[in-house]
Amino acid sequence: MSIALTKEQDLFIQSCYTFSLLLELHNNNLLKSTYFEGMVFRQPIIKDGLRTIGITNQGCALLGLYALVLIPHELFRTSSREWSEIYSVVDKYLDTYAKNTITNYKTDYPKVQYLSHIRNAVAHSSLEFSQGGVLIFRDKNKRAKESFSTELPLIHLNGLIEKLSCAQINYLNSLIYNG
């Protein structure tokens, strides 16, 4: 089935497919396969490094958050109703699992806008994988003297990525079947 896509929708779909490929390579144990062993890398250090860090590493998490949070926000922020529904599901997840949230943003009262802050943290590389098993997101608006930080235990990072992925799949299905 072929559908007419805008350039934004096409870019969105390509980034979703690419990140999904990485996850499926992990799920199918690529790094433990004979196929991987037989692969010739132009830079052998990359192959050795992948054996050490695996596919679902901190860099992959950052790429995934970029593809699943930043790209849709930048491309589709004008269609606010549809994306606000998606964001509300993810915000509920983060409200449940994020810890030690500190914010003085006016827009966070009465309800913290987690996904907006995570988008900003990803966009500005203001996140940190701490030794304590948490991913710390930081957002700052220097002009308004506002700041935000929250910690997501790494055991809940896959859940966040899953929620975001489901939202993307729902959007893809709406394009294909309702487009």
N, C-alpha and C. Protein backbone atom coordinates (compact mmCIF):
# COMPACT_ATOMS: atom_id res chain seq x y z
N MET A 1 0.85 -1.18 0.00
CA MET A 1 0.00 0.00 0.00
C MET A 1 0.89 1.24 0.00
N SER A 2 0.60 2.15 -0.89
CA SER A 2 1.38 3.37 -0.99
C SER A 2 0.49 4.56 -0.61
N ILE A 3 1.00 5.38 0.30
CA ILE A 3 0.25 6.57 0.71
C ILE A 3 1.12 7.79 0.46
N ALA A 4 0.46 8.91 0.24
CA ALA A 4 1.19 10.16 0.03
C ALA A 4 1.55 10.73 1.40
N LEU A 5 2.83 10.93 1.62
CA LEU A 5 3.32 11.44 2.90
C LEU A 5 3.90 12.83 2.72
N THR A 6 3.75 13.63 3.76
CA THR A 6 4.47 14.90 3.77
C THR A 6 5.93 14.60 4.05
N LYS A 7 6.81 15.54 3.81
CA LYS A 7 8.24 15.31 4.09
C LYS A 7 8.46 15.09 5.58
N GLU A 8 7.65 15.74 6.42
CA GLU A 8 7.77 15.56 7.86
C GLU A 8 7.36 14.15 8.27
N GLN A 9 6.24 13.68 7.72
CA GLN A 9 5.80 12.32 8.03
C GLN A 9 6.82 11.29 7.57
N ASP A 10 7.39 11.51 6.40
CA ASP A 10 8.39 10.58 5.87
C ASP A 10 9.63 10.54 6.76
N LEU A 11 10.11 11.68 7.20
CA LEU A 11 11.27 11.73 8.09
C LEU A 11 10.96 11.05 9.42
N PHE A 12 9.78 11.31 9.93
CA PHE A 12 9.34 10.68 11.18
C PHE A 12 9.34 9.16 11.04
N ILE A 13 8.72 8.65 9.97
CA ILE A 13 8.63 7.21 9.75
C ILE A 13 10.02 6.60 9.62
N GLN A 14 10.90 7.25 8.86
CA GLN A 14 12.25 6.70 8.69
C GLN A 14 13.00 6.61 10.02
N SER A 15 12.87 7.63 10.87
CA SER A 15 13.58 7.58 12.15
C SER A 15 12.96 6.52 13.06
N CYS A 16 11.65 6.35 13.03
CA CYS A 16 11.00 5.28 13.82
C CYS A 16 11.45 3.90 13.35
N TYR A 17 11.47 3.70 12.04
CA TYR A 17 11.88 2.40 11.50
C TYR A 17 13.33 2.09 11.86
N THR A 18 14.18 3.09 11.77
CA THR A 18 15.60 2.87 12.05
C THR A 18 15.82 2.52 13.51
N PHE A 19 15.17 3.25 14.42
CA PHE A 19 15.32 2.92 15.83
C PHE A 19 14.71 1.56 16.13
N SER A 20 13.58 1.24 15.53
CA SER A 20 12.97 -0.07 15.72
C SER A 20 13.89 -1.19 15.24
N LEU A 21 14.62 -0.93 14.16
CA LEU A 21 15.59 -1.92 13.67
C LEU A 21 16.65 -2.20 14.73
N LEU A 22 17.16 -1.17 15.36
CA LEU A 22 18.15 -1.37 16.42
C LEU A 22 17.59 -2.25 17.54
N LEU A 23 16.37 -1.96 17.96
CA LEU A 23 15.75 -2.75 19.02
C LEU A 23 15.56 -4.20 18.60
N GLU A 24 15.13 -4.41 17.37
CA GLU A 24 14.92 -5.78 16.89
C GLU A 24 16.24 -6.53 16.72
N LEU A 25 17.29 -5.84 16.33
CA LEU A 25 18.60 -6.50 16.27
C LEU A 25 19.01 -6.97 17.65
N HIS A 26 18.73 -6.15 18.66
CA HIS A 26 19.00 -6.56 20.04
C HIS A 26 18.11 -7.73 20.44
N ASN A 27 16.81 -7.61 20.18
CA ASN A 27 15.86 -8.67 20.56
C ASN A 27 16.18 -10.01 19.91
N ASN A 28 16.80 -9.96 18.74
CA ASN A 28 17.15 -11.18 18.01
C ASN A 28 18.61 -11.59 18.20
N ASN A 29 19.24 -11.04 19.23
CA ASN A 29 20.61 -11.42 19.61
C ASN A 29 21.63 -11.34 18.47
N LEU A 30 21.59 -10.26 17.71
CA LEU A 30 22.52 -10.10 16.60
C LEU A 30 23.97 -10.27 17.05
N LEU A 31 24.34 -9.68 18.17
CA LEU A 31 25.75 -9.70 18.57
C LEU A 31 26.23 -11.08 18.97
N LYS A 32 25.33 -12.01 19.19
CA LYS A 32 25.70 -13.39 19.53
C LYS A 32 25.53 -14.33 18.34
N SER A 33 25.27 -13.78 17.17
CA SER A 33 24.98 -14.60 15.99
C SER A 33 26.23 -14.88 15.17
N THR A 34 26.15 -15.94 14.39
CA THR A 34 27.25 -16.24 13.46
C THR A 34 27.31 -15.18 12.36
N TYR A 35 26.15 -14.58 12.05
CA TYR A 35 26.14 -13.51 11.05
C TYR A 35 27.02 -12.36 11.51
N PHE A 36 26.85 -11.94 12.77
CA PHE A 36 27.66 -10.85 13.31
C PHE A 36 29.14 -11.23 13.30
N GLU A 37 29.43 -12.44 13.73
CA GLU A 37 30.83 -12.88 13.77
C GLU A 37 31.46 -12.82 12.38
N GLY A 38 30.67 -13.11 11.34
CA GLY A 38 31.19 -13.10 9.98
C GLY A 38 31.25 -11.72 9.34
N MET A 39 30.67 -10.74 9.98
CA MET A 39 30.67 -9.38 9.42
C MET A 39 32.07 -8.79 9.46
N VAL A 40 32.40 -8.08 8.39
CA VAL A 40 33.68 -7.38 8.33
C VAL A 40 33.39 -5.88 8.47
N PHE A 41 33.94 -5.28 9.50
CA PHE A 41 33.78 -3.86 9.74
C PHE A 41 34.99 -3.12 9.17
N ARG A 42 34.76 -1.97 8.57
CA ARG A 42 35.88 -1.16 8.09
C ARG A 42 36.76 -0.72 9.25
N GLN A 43 36.12 -0.53 10.40
CA GLN A 43 36.84 -0.15 11.61
C GLN A 43 36.61 -1.26 12.65
N PRO A 44 37.54 -2.20 12.76
CA PRO A 44 37.34 -3.33 13.69
C PRO A 44 37.09 -2.91 15.13
N ILE A 45 37.58 -1.74 15.52
CA ILE A 45 37.35 -1.27 16.89
C ILE A 45 35.86 -1.12 17.18
N ILE A 46 35.06 -0.81 16.16
CA ILE A 46 33.62 -0.67 16.33
C ILE A 46 33.00 -2.02 16.67
N LYS A 47 33.39 -3.05 15.96
CA LYS A 47 32.85 -4.39 16.21
C LYS A 47 33.21 -4.83 17.63
N ASP A 48 34.45 -4.62 18.02
CA ASP A 48 34.88 -4.98 19.38
C ASP A 48 34.11 -4.17 20.43
N GLY A 49 33.92 -2.89 20.15
CA GLY A 49 33.18 -2.04 21.08
C GLY A 49 31.73 -2.48 21.23
N LEU A 50 31.10 -2.86 20.12
CA LEU A 50 29.71 -3.33 20.19
C LEU A 50 29.60 -4.60 21.03
N ARG A 51 30.60 -5.47 20.92
CA ARG A 51 30.59 -6.68 21.77
C ARG A 51 30.60 -6.29 23.25
N THR A 52 31.30 -5.22 23.56
CA THR A 52 31.44 -4.79 24.95
C THR A 52 30.18 -4.09 25.46
N ILE A 53 29.65 -3.13 24.70
CA ILE A 53 28.54 -2.32 25.20
C ILE A 53 27.17 -2.84 24.79
N GLY A 54 27.10 -3.69 23.78
CA GLY A 54 25.81 -4.19 23.31
C GLY A 54 25.10 -3.16 22.45
N ILE A 55 23.93 -3.55 21.99
CA ILE A 55 23.16 -2.65 21.12
C ILE A 55 22.35 -1.66 21.95
N THR A 56 21.72 -2.13 23.01
CA THR A 56 20.89 -1.23 23.82
C THR A 56 21.76 -0.64 24.93
N ASN A 57 22.55 0.32 24.55
CA ASN A 57 23.46 1.00 25.46
C ASN A 57 22.99 2.44 25.66
N GLN A 58 23.77 3.21 26.39
CA GLN A 58 23.38 4.60 26.68
C GLN A 58 23.26 5.44 25.40
N GLY A 59 24.15 5.22 24.47
CA GLY A 59 24.08 5.96 23.20
C GLY A 59 22.83 5.62 22.43
N CYS A 60 22.46 4.35 22.44
CA CYS A 60 21.23 3.92 21.76
C CYS A 60 20.01 4.53 22.44
N ALA A 61 20.05 4.59 23.77
CA ALA A 61 18.94 5.21 24.51
C ALA A 61 18.79 6.67 24.11
N LEU A 62 19.91 7.37 24.00
CA LEU A 62 19.86 8.78 23.60
C LEU A 62 19.31 8.92 22.17
N LEU A 63 19.78 8.06 21.25
CA LEU A 63 19.26 8.09 19.88
C LEU A 63 17.75 7.79 19.87
N GLY A 64 17.35 6.81 20.68
CA GLY A 64 15.94 6.46 20.74
C GLY A 64 15.08 7.60 21.26
N LEU A 65 15.55 8.23 22.32
CA LEU A 65 14.79 9.37 22.86
C LEU A 65 14.74 10.50 21.85
N TYR A 66 15.82 10.71 21.12
CA TYR A 66 15.84 11.74 20.07
C TYR A 66 14.78 11.41 19.01
N ALA A 67 14.77 10.15 18.56
CA ALA A 67 13.83 9.75 17.51
C ALA A 67 12.39 9.73 17.99
N LEU A 68 12.19 9.38 19.27
CA LEU A 68 10.84 9.18 19.77
C LEU A 68 10.24 10.40 20.47
N VAL A 69 11.09 11.35 20.87
CA VAL A 69 10.59 12.54 21.58
C VAL A 69 10.84 13.80 20.76
N LEU A 70 12.08 14.04 20.41
CA LEU A 70 12.44 15.31 19.78
C LEU A 70 11.91 15.45 18.36
N ILE A 71 12.13 14.44 17.54
CA ILE A 71 11.70 14.53 16.14
C ILE A 71 10.19 14.74 16.02
N PRO A 72 9.37 13.92 16.69
CA PRO A 72 7.92 14.17 16.56
C PRO A 72 7.51 15.55 17.07
N HIS A 73 8.12 15.98 18.17
CA HIS A 73 7.78 17.30 18.70
C HIS A 73 8.09 18.40 17.69
N GLU A 74 9.26 18.32 17.10
CA GLU A 74 9.66 19.36 16.15
C GLU A 74 8.84 19.31 14.87
N LEU A 75 8.52 18.11 14.40
CA LEU A 75 7.81 17.99 13.13
C LEU A 75 6.31 18.23 13.24
N PHE A 76 5.72 17.87 14.37
CA PHE A 76 4.27 17.86 14.46
C PHE A 76 3.70 18.74 15.54
N ARG A 77 4.45 19.66 16.05
CA ARG A 77 3.94 20.45 17.17
C ARG A 77 2.72 21.29 16.80
N THR A 78 2.48 21.50 15.51
CA THR A 78 1.31 22.27 15.10
C THR A 78 0.02 21.46 15.23
N SER A 79 0.12 20.13 15.14
CA SER A 79 -1.09 19.30 15.32
C SER A 79 -1.19 18.92 16.79
N SER A 80 -1.45 19.92 17.59
CA SER A 80 -1.34 19.79 19.04
C SER A 80 -2.32 18.82 19.67
N ARG A 81 -3.53 18.70 19.15
CA ARG A 81 -4.51 17.83 19.80
C ARG A 81 -4.06 16.38 19.79
N GLU A 82 -3.64 15.90 18.62
CA GLU A 82 -3.20 14.51 18.51
C GLU A 82 -1.98 14.23 19.37
N TRP A 83 -1.02 15.13 19.31
CA TRP A 83 0.20 14.89 20.08
C TRP A 83 0.00 15.14 21.56
N SER A 84 -0.92 16.00 21.94
CA SER A 84 -1.17 16.20 23.37
C SER A 84 -1.76 14.94 23.99
N GLU A 85 -2.55 14.18 23.23
CA GLU A 85 -3.06 12.90 23.72
C GLU A 85 -1.91 11.92 23.94
N ILE A 86 -1.00 11.86 22.99
CA ILE A 86 0.17 10.99 23.11
C ILE A 86 1.00 11.42 24.31
N TYR A 87 1.24 12.70 24.41
CA TYR A 87 2.06 13.22 25.50
C TYR A 87 1.43 12.93 26.85
N SER A 88 0.11 13.00 26.94
CA SER A 88 -0.53 12.78 28.24
C SER A 88 -0.30 11.36 28.74
N VAL A 89 -0.32 10.37 27.85
CA VAL A 89 -0.05 8.98 28.25
C VAL A 89 1.38 8.85 28.77
N VAL A 90 2.31 9.45 28.07
CA VAL A 90 3.72 9.37 28.47
C VAL A 90 3.94 10.17 29.75
N ASP A 91 3.32 11.33 29.86
CA ASP A 91 3.44 12.12 31.09
C ASP A 91 2.92 11.35 32.30
N LYS A 92 1.83 10.59 32.13
CA LYS A 92 1.31 9.78 33.23
C LYS A 92 2.33 8.72 33.65
N TYR A 93 2.96 8.11 32.66
CA TYR A 93 3.99 7.10 32.97
C TYR A 93 5.13 7.75 33.75
N LEU A 94 5.58 8.90 33.28
CA LEU A 94 6.68 9.58 33.96
C LEU A 94 6.27 10.08 35.34
N ASP A 95 5.04 10.52 35.47
CA ASP A 95 4.55 10.96 36.78
C ASP A 95 4.59 9.80 37.78
N THR A 96 4.37 8.61 37.29
CA THR A 96 4.39 7.42 38.14
C THR A 96 5.82 7.01 38.52
N TYR A 97 6.76 7.05 37.57
CA TYR A 97 8.07 6.45 37.79
C TYR A 97 9.23 7.43 37.99
N ALA A 98 9.06 8.68 37.61
CA ALA A 98 10.13 9.66 37.82
C ALA A 98 10.23 9.96 39.31
N LYS A 99 11.46 10.15 39.76
CA LYS A 99 11.71 10.38 41.19
C LYS A 99 12.51 11.67 41.37
N ASN A 100 12.41 12.23 42.56
CA ASN A 100 13.20 13.40 42.93
C ASN A 100 13.04 14.55 41.94
N THR A 101 11.81 14.78 41.51
CA THR A 101 11.54 15.85 40.56
C THR A 101 11.56 17.19 41.29
N ILE A 102 12.35 18.11 40.74
CA ILE A 102 12.44 19.47 41.27
C ILE A 102 12.20 20.43 40.11
N THR A 103 11.22 21.29 40.27
CA THR A 103 10.92 22.25 39.20
C THR A 103 10.40 23.56 39.80
N ASN A 104 10.78 24.64 39.15
CA ASN A 104 10.17 25.92 39.49
C ASN A 104 9.57 26.57 38.24
N TYR A 105 9.35 25.76 37.19
CA TYR A 105 8.70 26.24 35.98
C TYR A 105 7.24 26.57 36.31
N LYS A 106 6.80 27.72 35.90
CA LYS A 106 5.40 28.11 36.11
C LYS A 106 4.44 27.17 35.39
N THR A 107 4.87 26.66 34.22
CA THR A 107 4.00 25.78 33.45
C THR A 107 3.83 24.41 34.09
N ASP A 108 4.59 24.12 35.14
CA ASP A 108 4.50 22.82 35.80
C ASP A 108 3.50 22.80 36.95
N TYR A 109 2.76 23.87 37.07
CA TYR A 109 1.76 23.90 38.13
C TYR A 109 0.39 24.07 37.50
N PRO A 110 -0.54 23.22 37.78
CA PRO A 110 -0.56 22.22 38.84
C PRO A 110 0.04 20.86 38.45
N LYS A 111 0.41 20.65 37.18
CA LYS A 111 0.87 19.34 36.72
C LYS A 111 2.19 19.48 35.98
N VAL A 112 3.17 18.68 36.36
CA VAL A 112 4.49 18.72 35.73
C VAL A 112 4.39 18.25 34.29
N GLN A 113 5.01 19.00 33.38
CA GLN A 113 5.03 18.69 31.95
C GLN A 113 6.30 17.90 31.64
N TYR A 114 6.35 16.66 32.10
CA TYR A 114 7.57 15.85 32.00
C TYR A 114 8.12 15.75 30.58
N LEU A 115 7.26 15.39 29.64
CA LEU A 115 7.76 15.13 28.30
C LEU A 115 8.36 16.37 27.66
N SER A 116 7.80 17.51 27.93
CA SER A 116 8.36 18.76 27.42
C SER A 116 9.78 18.98 27.95
N HIS A 117 9.98 18.71 29.23
CA HIS A 117 11.31 18.87 29.82
C HIS A 117 12.28 17.82 29.30
N ILE A 118 11.79 16.60 29.11
CA ILE A 118 12.67 15.55 28.58
C ILE A 118 13.06 15.87 27.15
N ARG A 119 12.14 16.42 26.39
CA ARG A 119 12.45 16.86 25.02
C ARG A 119 13.57 17.87 25.06
N ASN A 120 13.49 18.85 25.95
CA ASN A 120 14.53 19.88 26.05
C ASN A 120 15.85 19.29 26.53
N ALA A 121 15.79 18.37 27.48
CA ALA A 121 17.02 17.73 27.98
C ALA A 121 17.71 16.94 26.87
N VAL A 122 16.93 16.22 26.08
CA VAL A 122 17.51 15.45 24.97
C VAL A 122 18.08 16.41 23.92
N ALA A 123 17.34 17.45 23.59
CA ALA A 123 17.78 18.40 22.56
C ALA A 123 19.09 19.08 22.94
N HIS A 124 19.30 19.31 24.22
CA HIS A 124 20.50 20.03 24.67
C HIS A 124 21.51 19.12 25.35
N SER A 125 21.32 17.80 25.20
CA SER A 125 22.21 16.81 25.82
C SER A 125 22.41 17.09 27.30
N SER A 126 21.32 17.43 27.96
CA SER A 126 21.36 17.72 29.39
C SER A 126 20.79 16.54 30.17
N LEU A 127 21.39 15.39 29.94
CA LEU A 127 21.00 14.22 30.68
C LEU A 127 22.24 13.46 31.09
N GLU A 128 22.06 12.67 32.13
CA GLU A 128 23.22 11.98 32.70
C GLU A 128 22.79 10.60 33.20
N PHE A 129 23.56 9.59 32.82
CA PHE A 129 23.37 8.25 33.36
C PHE A 129 24.23 8.18 34.61
N SER A 130 23.58 8.14 35.77
CA SER A 130 24.34 8.19 37.02
C SER A 130 24.70 6.80 37.50
N GLN A 131 25.67 6.76 38.38
CA GLN A 131 26.11 5.50 38.97
C GLN A 131 25.00 4.84 39.79
N GLY A 132 24.05 5.61 40.24
CA GLY A 132 22.97 5.09 41.07
C GLY A 132 21.87 4.38 40.29
N GLY A 133 22.09 4.13 39.01
CA GLY A 133 21.09 3.43 38.22
C GLY A 133 19.91 4.28 37.82
N VAL A 134 20.14 5.58 37.64
CA VAL A 134 19.08 6.47 37.20
C VAL A 134 19.57 7.31 36.02
N LEU A 135 18.61 7.74 35.24
CA LEU A 135 18.86 8.68 34.15
C LEU A 135 18.32 10.02 34.63
N ILE A 136 19.19 11.01 34.71
CA ILE A 136 18.81 12.33 35.20
C ILE A 136 18.59 13.25 34.01
N PHE A 137 17.42 13.87 33.96
CA PHE A 137 17.08 14.84 32.91
C PHE A 137 17.10 16.22 33.55
N ARG A 138 17.72 17.18 32.84
CA ARG A 138 17.74 18.56 33.33
C ARG A 138 17.28 19.50 32.22
N ASP A 139 16.52 20.50 32.62
CA ASP A 139 16.03 21.52 31.70
C ASP A 139 16.20 22.86 32.40
N LYS A 140 16.60 23.86 31.63
CA LYS A 140 16.84 25.16 32.23
C LYS A 140 16.44 26.26 31.27
N ASN A 141 15.73 27.25 31.80
CA ASN A 141 15.40 28.46 31.07
C ASN A 141 16.11 29.59 31.80
N LYS A 142 17.28 29.97 31.30
CA LYS A 142 18.10 30.96 32.01
C LYS A 142 17.42 32.32 32.09
N ARG A 143 16.73 32.70 30.99
CA ARG A 143 16.08 34.01 30.99
C ARG A 143 15.02 34.13 32.08
N ALA A 144 14.23 33.09 32.23
CA ALA A 144 13.16 33.13 33.23
C ALA A 144 13.62 32.59 34.59
N LYS A 145 14.88 32.20 34.67
CA LYS A 145 15.44 31.63 35.90
C LYS A 145 14.62 30.44 36.40
N GLU A 146 14.26 29.58 35.43
CA GLU A 146 13.50 28.38 35.76
C GLU A 146 14.39 27.16 35.52
N SER A 147 14.19 26.15 36.34
CA SER A 147 14.95 24.92 36.17
C SER A 147 14.09 23.71 36.55
N PHE A 148 14.48 22.59 35.99
CA PHE A 148 13.78 21.34 36.19
C PHE A 148 14.81 20.22 36.23
N SER A 149 14.60 19.26 37.09
CA SER A 149 15.38 18.03 37.05
C SER A 149 14.51 16.90 37.57
N THR A 150 14.73 15.73 37.02
CA THR A 150 14.05 14.54 37.49
C THR A 150 14.94 13.34 37.23
N GLU A 151 14.70 12.29 37.96
CA GLU A 151 15.46 11.06 37.81
C GLU A 151 14.50 9.94 37.40
N LEU A 152 14.88 9.21 36.37
CA LEU A 152 14.11 8.04 35.95
C LEU A 152 14.99 6.82 36.21
N PRO A 153 14.57 5.95 37.14
CA PRO A 153 15.34 4.73 37.36
C PRO A 153 15.49 3.97 36.03
N LEU A 154 16.69 3.49 35.77
CA LEU A 154 16.96 2.82 34.50
C LEU A 154 16.06 1.61 34.27
N ILE A 155 15.56 1.02 35.34
CA ILE A 155 14.65 -0.12 35.15
C ILE A 155 13.35 0.32 34.49
N HIS A 156 13.07 1.63 34.47
CA HIS A 156 11.85 2.14 33.84
C HIS A 156 12.11 2.80 32.48
N LEU A 157 13.37 2.85 32.06
CA LEU A 157 13.69 3.46 30.77
C LEU A 157 13.09 2.67 29.62
N ASN A 158 13.16 1.34 29.67
CA ASN A 158 12.54 0.54 28.61
C ASN A 158 11.04 0.77 28.55
N GLY A 159 10.41 0.94 29.70
CA GLY A 159 8.98 1.24 29.73
C GLY A 159 8.65 2.56 29.06
N LEU A 160 9.50 3.56 29.31
CA LEU A 160 9.32 4.86 28.66
C LEU A 160 9.46 4.72 27.15
N ILE A 161 10.49 4.03 26.73
CA ILE A 161 10.70 3.84 25.28
C ILE A 161 9.55 3.05 24.68
N GLU A 162 9.04 2.08 25.42
CA GLU A 162 7.89 1.30 24.94
C GLU A 162 6.65 2.18 24.79
N LYS A 163 6.38 3.04 25.78
CA LYS A 163 5.22 3.95 25.69
C LYS A 163 5.36 4.87 24.48
N LEU A 164 6.56 5.41 24.30
CA LEU A 164 6.80 6.31 23.16
C LEU A 164 6.67 5.54 21.84
N SER A 165 7.21 4.33 21.79
CA SER A 165 7.12 3.52 20.57
C SER A 165 5.68 3.19 20.23
N CYS A 166 4.89 2.84 21.25
CA CYS A 166 3.47 2.54 21.00
C CYS A 166 2.75 3.76 20.44
N ALA A 167 3.08 4.92 20.97
CA ALA A 167 2.46 6.15 20.46
C ALA A 167 2.84 6.35 19.00
N GLN A 168 4.09 6.08 18.66
CA GLN A 168 4.53 6.25 17.27
C GLN A 168 3.83 5.24 16.35
N ILE A 169 3.70 4.00 16.83
CA ILE A 169 3.03 2.97 16.02
C ILE A 169 1.56 3.35 15.81
N ASN A 170 0.91 3.86 16.84
CA ASN A 170 -0.47 4.31 16.68
C ASN A 170 -0.56 5.40 15.62
N TYR A 171 0.40 6.32 15.64
CA TYR A 171 0.42 7.38 14.63
C TYR A 171 0.66 6.80 13.24
N LEU A 172 1.60 5.87 13.12
CA LEU A 172 1.87 5.24 11.83
C LEU A 172 0.63 4.53 11.31
N ASN A 173 -0.05 3.79 12.18
CA ASN A 173 -1.28 3.11 11.77
C ASN A 173 -2.34 4.10 11.31
N SER A 174 -2.45 5.24 11.99
CA SER A 174 -3.44 6.23 11.56
C SER A 174 -3.10 6.79 10.19
N LEU A 175 -1.80 6.93 9.90
CA LEU A 175 -1.40 7.40 8.57
C LEU A 175 -1.75 6.38 7.50
N ILE A 176 -1.46 5.13 7.79
CA ILE A 176 -1.64 4.07 6.80
C ILE A 176 -3.13 3.76 6.57
N TYR A 177 -3.88 3.67 7.67
CA TYR A 177 -5.28 3.23 7.53
C TYR A 177 -6.29 4.37 7.44
N ASN A 178 -5.89 5.56 7.88
CA ASN A 178 -6.81 6.69 7.80
C ASN A 178 -6.30 7.78 6.86
N GLY A 179 -5.05 7.63 6.42
CA GLY A 179 -4.39 8.65 5.62
C GLY A 179 -4.99 8.81 4.30
